[in-house]
C-alpha cells in the first residue's frame, strides 16, 4: 500500500508526464550532442522546475519575444 505522500507524487507525475517527457527528450538530445545546457522553448511548470532542481539541474525561465508563447527555459547541468 502507498503512503499518502507517495500517492500524491504519483498523481502529480501523471498530470505532468507529457511535459516531463518532452523536457527529458530535450536534455537527452543536448547530452548526445555533447552540450551541458539546453533551451526548452516554453515555460515549464513549477512542478517540473522543482523536479529538475532536486535532480541537480539549474533552471532559468525567461521571457523570449521571438517565441510564440513568449517564454524559454534554460536548463544546465
N, C-alpha and C. Protein backbone atom coordinates (compact mmCIF):
# COMPACT_ATOMS: atom_id res chain seq x y z
N UNK A 1 0.84 -1.17 0.00
CA UNK A 1 0.00 0.00 0.00
C UNK A 1 0.89 1.24 0.00
N UNK A 2 0.47 2.28 -0.72
CA UNK A 2 1.22 3.53 -0.80
C UNK A 2 0.85 4.46 0.34
N UNK A 3 1.81 5.25 0.74
CA UNK A 3 1.52 6.29 1.71
C UNK A 3 0.82 7.43 0.97
N UNK A 4 0.22 8.34 1.72
CA UNK A 4 -0.46 9.48 1.10
C UNK A 4 0.54 10.30 0.27
N UNK A 5 1.74 10.46 0.79
CA UNK A 5 2.77 11.22 0.07
C UNK A 5 3.11 10.55 -1.26
N UNK A 6 3.28 9.23 -1.27
CA UNK A 6 3.59 8.50 -2.50
C UNK A 6 2.45 8.61 -3.50
N UNK A 7 1.23 8.49 -3.03
CA UNK A 7 0.07 8.59 -3.92
C UNK A 7 -0.02 9.98 -4.53
N UNK A 8 0.24 11.01 -3.73
CA UNK A 8 0.20 12.39 -4.24
C UNK A 8 1.28 12.59 -5.29
N UNK A 9 2.49 12.08 -5.04
CA UNK A 9 3.58 12.21 -6.00
C UNK A 9 3.26 11.50 -7.31
N UNK A 10 2.67 10.33 -7.24
CA UNK A 10 2.29 9.60 -8.45
C UNK A 10 1.21 10.35 -9.23
N UNK A 11 0.26 10.93 -8.52
CA UNK A 11 -0.81 11.69 -9.18
C UNK A 11 -0.23 12.92 -9.87
N UNK A 12 0.67 13.64 -9.20
CA UNK A 12 1.28 14.81 -9.81
C UNK A 12 2.11 14.43 -11.02
N UNK A 13 2.87 13.36 -10.90
CA UNK A 13 3.70 12.92 -12.01
C UNK A 13 2.83 12.55 -13.22
N UNK A 14 1.70 11.95 -12.97
CA UNK A 14 0.79 11.58 -14.04
C UNK A 14 0.28 12.81 -14.79
N UNK A 15 -0.04 13.86 -14.05
CA UNK A 15 -0.55 15.09 -14.66
C UNK A 15 0.51 15.75 -15.55
N UNK A 16 1.77 15.70 -15.13
CA UNK A 16 2.85 16.39 -15.83
C UNK A 16 3.71 15.47 -16.70
N UNK A 17 3.26 14.23 -16.94
CA UNK A 17 4.11 13.26 -17.63
C UNK A 17 4.48 13.69 -19.05
N UNK A 18 3.57 14.31 -19.79
CA UNK A 18 3.90 14.73 -21.15
C UNK A 18 4.96 15.84 -21.15
N UNK A 19 4.82 16.78 -20.23
CA UNK A 19 5.79 17.85 -20.12
C UNK A 19 7.15 17.29 -19.71
N UNK A 20 7.18 16.41 -18.74
CA UNK A 20 8.43 15.82 -18.27
C UNK A 20 9.10 15.02 -19.39
N UNK A 21 8.31 14.29 -20.14
CA UNK A 21 8.86 13.52 -21.26
C UNK A 21 9.49 14.45 -22.30
N UNK A 22 8.83 15.55 -22.62
CA UNK A 22 9.36 16.50 -23.61
C UNK A 22 10.66 17.12 -23.11
N UNK A 23 10.71 17.49 -21.83
CA UNK A 23 11.92 18.06 -21.25
C UNK A 23 13.05 17.03 -21.25
N UNK A 24 12.74 15.81 -20.86
CA UNK A 24 13.74 14.73 -20.86
C UNK A 24 14.34 14.55 -22.25
N UNK A 25 13.51 14.61 -23.28
CA UNK A 25 13.99 14.41 -24.65
C UNK A 25 14.93 15.54 -25.06
N UNK A 26 14.61 16.77 -24.67
CA UNK A 26 15.47 17.91 -24.98
C UNK A 26 16.83 17.74 -24.29
N UNK A 27 16.81 17.29 -23.05
CA UNK A 27 18.05 17.08 -22.31
C UNK A 27 18.87 15.96 -22.94
N UNK A 28 18.22 14.87 -23.29
CA UNK A 28 18.92 13.75 -23.94
C UNK A 28 19.58 14.20 -25.24
N UNK A 29 18.85 14.95 -26.05
CA UNK A 29 19.41 15.45 -27.32
C UNK A 29 20.64 16.32 -27.08
N UNK A 30 20.59 17.16 -26.03
CA UNK A 30 21.73 18.02 -25.72
C UNK A 30 22.93 17.19 -25.26
N UNK A 31 22.69 16.19 -24.43
CA UNK A 31 23.77 15.34 -23.93
C UNK A 31 24.42 14.58 -25.08
N UNK A 32 23.61 14.04 -25.98
CA UNK A 32 24.14 13.31 -27.14
C UNK A 32 25.00 14.24 -27.99
N UNK A 33 24.61 15.51 -28.04
CA UNK A 33 25.38 16.50 -28.80
C UNK A 33 26.60 17.03 -28.06
N UNK A 34 26.83 16.56 -26.84
CA UNK A 34 28.00 16.97 -26.08
C UNK A 34 27.84 18.30 -25.35
N UNK A 35 26.61 18.75 -25.16
CA UNK A 35 26.35 20.02 -24.51
C UNK A 35 26.10 19.86 -23.02
N UNK A 36 26.28 20.93 -22.27
CA UNK A 36 26.00 20.93 -20.84
C UNK A 36 24.85 21.86 -20.49
N UNK A 37 24.13 22.29 -21.51
CA UNK A 37 22.93 23.09 -21.30
C UNK A 37 22.04 22.98 -22.52
N UNK A 38 20.79 23.35 -22.33
CA UNK A 38 19.84 23.31 -23.43
C UNK A 38 18.75 24.34 -23.18
N UNK A 39 17.99 24.61 -24.21
CA UNK A 39 16.86 25.53 -24.11
C UNK A 39 15.59 24.74 -24.42
N UNK A 40 14.62 24.84 -23.53
CA UNK A 40 13.30 24.28 -23.76
C UNK A 40 12.42 25.47 -24.11
N UNK A 41 11.91 25.49 -25.33
CA UNK A 41 11.22 26.67 -25.85
C UNK A 41 9.77 26.72 -25.38
N UNK A 42 9.62 26.86 -24.07
CA UNK A 42 8.31 27.01 -23.44
C UNK A 42 8.57 27.31 -21.96
N UNK A 43 7.55 27.76 -21.28
CA UNK A 43 7.64 27.95 -19.84
C UNK A 43 7.25 26.63 -19.20
N UNK A 44 8.11 26.10 -18.32
CA UNK A 44 7.78 24.84 -17.68
C UNK A 44 7.03 25.09 -16.39
N UNK A 45 6.31 24.10 -15.95
CA UNK A 45 5.53 24.21 -14.72
C UNK A 45 6.45 24.26 -13.50
N UNK A 46 5.93 24.75 -12.41
CA UNK A 46 6.69 24.77 -11.16
C UNK A 46 7.05 23.35 -10.73
N UNK A 47 6.14 22.40 -10.98
CA UNK A 47 6.41 21.00 -10.64
C UNK A 47 7.65 20.50 -11.38
N UNK A 48 7.70 20.73 -12.68
CA UNK A 48 8.84 20.26 -13.48
C UNK A 48 10.12 20.99 -13.07
N UNK A 49 10.02 22.28 -12.81
CA UNK A 49 11.19 23.07 -12.39
C UNK A 49 11.74 22.53 -11.07
N UNK A 50 10.87 22.31 -10.11
CA UNK A 50 11.30 21.78 -8.82
C UNK A 50 11.91 20.39 -8.95
N UNK A 51 11.30 19.57 -9.80
CA UNK A 51 11.81 18.21 -10.02
C UNK A 51 13.22 18.25 -10.60
N UNK A 52 13.44 19.11 -11.59
CA UNK A 52 14.76 19.23 -12.19
C UNK A 52 15.79 19.75 -11.19
N UNK A 53 15.41 20.75 -10.41
CA UNK A 53 16.34 21.32 -9.44
C UNK A 53 16.69 20.31 -8.34
N UNK A 54 15.75 19.47 -7.95
CA UNK A 54 16.05 18.41 -6.98
C UNK A 54 17.05 17.41 -7.53
N UNK A 55 17.05 17.25 -8.86
CA UNK A 55 17.99 16.34 -9.51
C UNK A 55 19.35 16.98 -9.79
N UNK A 56 19.48 18.28 -9.46
CA UNK A 56 20.77 18.95 -9.62
C UNK A 56 20.88 19.86 -10.83
N UNK A 57 19.83 20.02 -11.60
CA UNK A 57 19.86 20.91 -12.76
C UNK A 57 19.67 22.35 -12.31
N UNK A 58 20.21 23.28 -13.09
CA UNK A 58 19.96 24.70 -12.89
C UNK A 58 18.92 25.10 -13.93
N UNK A 59 17.84 25.73 -13.48
CA UNK A 59 16.72 26.06 -14.37
C UNK A 59 16.44 27.55 -14.29
N UNK A 60 16.40 28.19 -15.45
CA UNK A 60 16.09 29.61 -15.52
C UNK A 60 14.99 29.81 -16.56
N UNK A 61 13.90 30.41 -16.13
CA UNK A 61 12.79 30.69 -17.04
C UNK A 61 12.82 32.18 -17.36
N UNK A 62 12.82 32.49 -18.64
CA UNK A 62 12.89 33.89 -19.05
C UNK A 62 11.95 34.20 -20.19
N UNK A 63 11.68 35.48 -20.34
CA UNK A 63 10.85 35.92 -21.45
C UNK A 63 11.67 35.91 -22.73
N UNK A 64 11.01 35.57 -23.80
CA UNK A 64 11.67 35.48 -25.10
C UNK A 64 10.69 35.99 -26.16
N UNK A 65 10.93 37.16 -26.68
CA UNK A 65 9.96 37.81 -27.57
C UNK A 65 9.81 37.14 -28.92
N UNK A 66 10.79 36.38 -29.36
CA UNK A 66 10.71 35.79 -30.69
C UNK A 66 10.09 34.39 -30.70
N UNK A 67 9.55 33.95 -29.56
CA UNK A 67 8.88 32.66 -29.47
C UNK A 67 7.39 32.91 -29.29
N UNK A 68 6.56 32.09 -29.92
CA UNK A 68 5.12 32.29 -29.91
C UNK A 68 4.53 32.47 -28.51
N UNK A 69 4.90 31.62 -27.59
CA UNK A 69 4.31 31.70 -26.25
C UNK A 69 5.02 32.71 -25.35
N UNK A 70 6.15 33.24 -25.80
CA UNK A 70 6.82 34.31 -25.07
C UNK A 70 7.81 33.88 -24.00
N UNK A 71 8.05 32.58 -23.84
CA UNK A 71 8.95 32.10 -22.79
C UNK A 71 9.90 31.03 -23.30
N UNK A 72 11.06 30.98 -22.67
CA UNK A 72 12.03 29.91 -22.91
C UNK A 72 12.64 29.54 -21.57
N UNK A 73 12.97 28.28 -21.42
CA UNK A 73 13.56 27.78 -20.18
C UNK A 73 14.96 27.24 -20.47
N UNK A 74 15.95 27.80 -19.80
CA UNK A 74 17.33 27.33 -19.94
C UNK A 74 17.57 26.29 -18.85
N UNK A 75 18.07 25.13 -19.26
CA UNK A 75 18.37 24.04 -18.34
C UNK A 75 19.85 23.72 -18.51
N UNK A 76 20.58 23.76 -17.41
CA UNK A 76 22.02 23.44 -17.48
C UNK A 76 22.38 22.46 -16.37
N UNK A 77 23.50 21.78 -16.59
CA UNK A 77 23.96 20.77 -15.64
C UNK A 77 25.46 20.75 -15.58
